[in-house]
Protein backbone atom coordinates (compact mmCIF):
# COMPACT_ATOMS: atom_id res chain seq x y z
CA UNK A 1 13.69 -18.25 45.74
CA UNK A 2 10.05 -17.81 45.55
CA UNK A 3 10.22 -14.22 45.35
CA UNK A 4 13.00 -14.62 42.68
CA UNK A 5 10.51 -16.72 40.70
CA UNK A 6 7.31 -14.55 41.21
CA UNK A 7 9.90 -11.48 40.15
CA UNK A 8 10.97 -13.52 36.78
CA UNK A 9 7.14 -14.94 36.07
CA UNK A 10 5.74 -10.99 36.44
CA UNK A 11 8.59 -9.70 33.78
CA UNK A 12 8.40 -12.67 31.11
CA UNK A 13 4.41 -11.47 31.43
CA UNK A 14 5.43 -7.86 31.18
CA UNK A 15 7.56 -8.88 28.05
CA UNK A 16 4.52 -10.68 26.55
CA UNK A 17 2.33 -8.25 26.99
CA UNK A 18 4.68 -5.54 25.00
CA UNK A 19 5.48 -7.71 22.45
CA UNK A 20 2.02 -8.92 21.24
CA UNK A 21 0.78 -5.06 21.32
CA UNK A 22 2.10 -3.57 18.19
CA UNK A 23 -0.85 -1.04 18.06
CA UNK A 24 1.48 1.61 20.35
CA UNK A 25 4.84 0.77 18.25
CA UNK A 26 2.78 1.67 14.80
CA UNK A 27 1.30 4.74 16.19
CA UNK A 28 4.80 5.96 17.27
CA UNK A 29 6.12 4.62 14.16
CA UNK A 30 3.47 6.66 12.26
CA UNK A 31 3.76 9.83 14.21
CA UNK A 32 7.84 9.59 13.80
CA UNK A 33 7.31 9.08 9.96
CA UNK A 34 4.84 11.98 9.74
CA UNK A 35 7.27 14.48 11.22
CA UNK A 36 10.50 13.44 9.41
CA UNK A 37 8.14 13.97 6.11
CA UNK A 38 7.05 17.23 7.27
CA UNK A 39 10.21 18.24 8.13
CA UNK A 40 11.69 17.52 4.95
CA UNK A 41 8.71 19.07 3.34
CA UNK A 42 9.72 22.39 5.04
CA UNK A 43 13.31 21.66 4.49
CA UNK A 44 12.71 21.60 0.45
CA UNK A 45 10.24 24.87 0.61
CA UNK A 46 13.36 26.31 2.76
CA UNK A 47 15.88 25.39 -0.31
CA UNK A 48 13.53 26.41 -2.94
CA UNK A 49 13.20 30.01 -1.45
CA UNK A 50 16.83 30.07 -1.04
CA UNK A 51 17.43 29.39 -4.38
CA UNK A 52 14.40 32.06 -5.51
CA UNK A 53 16.65 34.35 -3.49
CA UNK A 54 19.92 33.84 -5.06
CA UNK A 55 18.07 33.96 -8.70
CA UNK A 56 16.66 37.08 -7.95
CA UNK A 57 19.65 38.77 -6.61
CA UNK A 58 22.10 37.10 -9.94
CA UNK A 59 19.00 38.48 -12.45
CA UNK A 60 19.58 42.03 -10.56
CA UNK A 61 23.40 41.45 -10.48
CA UNK A 62 23.93 40.84 -13.85
CA UNK A 63 21.13 42.97 -15.24
């Protein structure tokens, strides 16, 4: 019985400790947000380059 109670207390302390420190969570969220923003920027750059190639091909084909 004492071992079960000790385990529950330790588990509760671990949960409380992890809930109290939001710095790590915020750092992970910031890193994920930055990575997603970089992904979106690269995606837009690729789309712009694709459109430029299409426009250049169309200009060559039509003129």
